[in-house]
Protein backbone atom coordinates (compact mmCIF):
# COMPACT_ATOMS: atom_id res chain seq x y z
CA MET A 1 -17.00 -77.44 -53.47
CA GLU A 2 -14.25 -78.05 -50.93
CA ILE A 3 -14.82 -76.40 -47.58
CA THR A 4 -11.43 -75.81 -45.96
CA THR A 5 -12.57 -73.27 -43.37
CA PRO A 6 -11.58 -74.46 -39.88
CA ILE A 7 -14.15 -75.45 -37.27
CA SER A 8 -12.83 -72.60 -35.10
CA SER A 9 -14.65 -70.20 -37.47
CA ILE A 10 -17.99 -71.75 -36.57
CA LEU A 11 -17.11 -71.65 -32.87
CA ASP A 12 -16.13 -67.98 -33.18
CA GLU A 13 -19.51 -67.23 -34.77
CA LYS A 14 -21.75 -69.30 -32.50
CA GLY A 15 -19.80 -68.86 -29.30
CA ARG A 16 -17.74 -71.29 -27.31
CA ASN A 17 -20.15 -72.03 -24.48
CA VAL A 18 -20.26 -75.74 -23.79
CA TRP A 19 -22.91 -77.03 -21.47
CA SER A 20 -21.89 -80.12 -19.58
CA ILE A 21 -22.97 -82.58 -16.94
CA SER A 22 -21.18 -85.15 -14.82
CA PRO A 23 -21.69 -88.88 -15.42
CA ASP A 24 -23.17 -89.42 -11.95
CA GLN A 25 -26.01 -86.93 -12.41
CA THR A 26 -29.40 -88.20 -13.53
CA VAL A 27 -30.69 -88.32 -17.06
CA TYR A 28 -33.55 -86.12 -15.85
CA ALA A 29 -31.03 -83.43 -14.85
CA ALA A 30 -29.41 -83.72 -18.29
CA ILE A 31 -32.70 -83.38 -20.16
CA THR A 32 -33.70 -80.45 -17.95
CA LEU A 33 -30.39 -78.69 -18.72
CA MET A 34 -30.84 -79.31 -22.45
CA ALA A 35 -34.36 -77.88 -22.32
CA GLU A 36 -33.22 -74.80 -20.35
CA HIS A 37 -30.59 -73.97 -22.95
CA ASP A 38 -32.52 -75.19 -26.02
CA ILE A 39 -29.76 -77.60 -27.04
CA GLY A 40 -29.77 -81.22 -28.16
CA ALA A 41 -26.66 -82.58 -26.45
CA LEU A 42 -24.32 -82.12 -23.53
CA ALA A 43 -20.69 -82.95 -22.97
CA VAL A 44 -20.20 -85.38 -20.10
CA LEU A 45 -17.23 -84.31 -18.00
CA ASN A 46 -15.53 -86.10 -15.15
CA ASP A 47 -13.03 -83.79 -13.40
CA ASP A 48 -12.93 -81.53 -16.49
CA ARG A 49 -12.09 -84.52 -18.71
CA LEU A 50 -14.46 -85.40 -21.57
CA VAL A 51 -15.77 -88.93 -20.98
CA GLY A 52 -18.83 -88.91 -23.22
CA THR A 53 -21.80 -87.06 -24.62
CA ILE A 54 -25.50 -87.36 -23.93
CA SER A 55 -28.10 -86.35 -26.50
CA GLU A 56 -31.83 -86.31 -26.97
CA ARG A 57 -31.30 -89.33 -29.22
CA ASP A 58 -29.59 -91.22 -26.36
CA TYR A 59 -32.52 -90.35 -24.13
CA THR A 60 -35.22 -91.51 -26.50
CA ARG A 61 -33.48 -94.74 -27.48
CA LYS A 62 -31.93 -95.76 -24.15
CA VAL A 63 -34.48 -94.48 -21.64
CA VAL A 64 -37.90 -93.88 -23.18
CA LEU A 65 -37.98 -96.89 -25.51
CA LEU A 66 -36.62 -99.20 -22.79
CA GLY A 67 -39.06 -97.98 -20.16
CA ARG A 68 -36.36 -96.70 -17.81
CA ALA A 69 -36.91 -93.92 -15.27
CA SER A 70 -35.01 -90.75 -16.15
CA GLN A 71 -35.01 -89.56 -12.53
CA GLN A 72 -33.19 -92.71 -11.36
CA THR A 73 -30.96 -93.44 -14.35
CA PRO A 74 -27.46 -91.96 -14.18
CA VAL A 75 -26.05 -90.26 -17.26
CA SER A 76 -23.19 -92.80 -17.25
CA ASP A 77 -25.67 -95.59 -18.07
CA ILE A 78 -26.78 -94.08 -21.37
CA MET A 79 -24.07 -91.65 -22.50
CA THR A 80 -22.21 -92.19 -25.74
CA ARG A 81 -18.70 -93.29 -24.79
CA ASP A 82 -17.14 -94.00 -28.18
CA LEU A 83 -16.41 -90.39 -29.01
CA VAL A 84 -15.77 -88.97 -32.44
CA THR A 85 -14.10 -85.59 -32.03
CA VAL A 86 -12.64 -82.80 -34.12
CA SER A 87 -10.04 -80.15 -33.40
CA PRO A 88 -10.54 -76.41 -33.93
CA HIS A 89 -8.13 -76.69 -36.87
CA ASP A 90 -10.07 -79.42 -38.68
CA SER A 91 -12.05 -78.26 -41.70
CA VAL A 92 -15.81 -77.92 -41.89
CA GLN A 93 -15.66 -80.52 -44.66
CA GLU A 94 -13.90 -83.01 -42.34
CA CYS A 95 -16.51 -82.33 -39.66
CA MET A 96 -19.32 -83.05 -42.13
CA ARG A 97 -17.57 -86.22 -43.28
CA LEU A 98 -17.23 -87.50 -39.72
CA MET A 99 -20.83 -86.62 -38.84
CA THR A 100 -22.07 -88.51 -41.90
CA GLN A 101 -19.72 -91.50 -41.59
CA HIS A 102 -20.40 -92.02 -37.87
CA ARG A 103 -24.05 -90.88 -37.94
CA ARG A 104 -23.45 -88.25 -35.25
CA ARG A 105 -25.36 -85.00 -34.87
CA HIS A 106 -22.91 -83.50 -32.37
CA LEU A 107 -19.12 -83.56 -32.28
CA PRO A 108 -16.99 -82.38 -29.35
CA VAL A 109 -14.20 -80.03 -30.35
CA LEU A 110 -10.95 -80.78 -28.52
CA ASP A 111 -7.80 -78.68 -28.47
CA GLY A 112 -5.43 -81.38 -27.33
CA THR A 113 -7.38 -82.88 -24.42
CA ARG A 114 -9.24 -79.65 -23.55
CA LEU A 115 -12.89 -79.37 -24.59
CA VAL A 116 -13.34 -76.05 -26.42
CA GLY A 117 -16.70 -76.52 -28.12
CA LEU A 118 -19.49 -78.75 -29.31
CA ILE A 119 -20.49 -78.58 -32.98
CA SER A 120 -23.96 -79.67 -34.06
CA ILE A 121 -25.19 -80.57 -37.51
CA GLY A 122 -27.38 -77.46 -37.25
CA ASP A 123 -24.28 -75.31 -36.70
CA VAL A 124 -22.68 -76.77 -39.83
CA VAL A 125 -25.85 -76.34 -41.93
CA ASN A 126 -26.33 -72.73 -40.78
CA TRP A 127 -22.69 -71.91 -41.53
CA THR A 128 -22.94 -73.54 -44.98
CA ILE A 129 -26.12 -71.60 -45.82
CA GLY A 130 -24.41 -68.35 -44.77
CA VAL A 131 -21.39 -69.05 -46.99
CA GLN A 132 -23.66 -69.91 -49.92
CA ASN A 133 -25.67 -66.71 -49.45
CA VAL A 134 -22.47 -64.64 -49.57
CA ALA A 135 -21.33 -66.45 -52.73
CA ILE A 136 -24.72 -65.91 -54.41
CA SER A 137 -24.71 -62.23 -53.47
CA ASP A 138 -21.18 -61.79 -54.85
CA LEU A 139 -22.17 -63.47 -58.12
CA GLU A 140 -25.30 -61.31 -58.44
CA HIS A 141 -23.20 -58.16 -57.94
CA MET A 142 -20.64 -59.42 -60.44
CA VAL A 143 -23.31 -60.06 -63.07
CA ALA A 144 -24.92 -56.68 -62.41
CA GLY A 145 -21.55 -54.95 -62.65
CA THR A 146 -21.79 -53.61 -59.11
CA TYR A 147 -19.17 -55.92 -57.58
CA PRO A 148 -16.62 -53.89 -55.57
CA ARG A 149 -13.44 -53.25 -57.52
């Protein structure tokens, strides 16, 4: 099944709030912000320009496992700098391909150079399940002869 729906559809459904932090803030501040908003990653912005992302995975691998102190470590020391991004016009299928190929759980969504969203693997899975549920319901109605004409 080819999924050509644009990423903007997921953003429209989930909302376009993007939580961010600056690279000079501490990792502790980043983790606190993630916990407050029940999210797994933040965009790292320097003067409204995307310079990286920081995730729970970055924290566990680059702070906890290395015995670093989150209250003294700046976000810039552990953030992911080699960004893989999508545009609002890219398809959900392309987003899934990039997440799989680059082993990323979060992708920033850029419209030109402007950050307009952050898509997580959970967002993509939830959207896919919703689409499948609609397709199943349509097929059940078609089989039962109750599909709208």
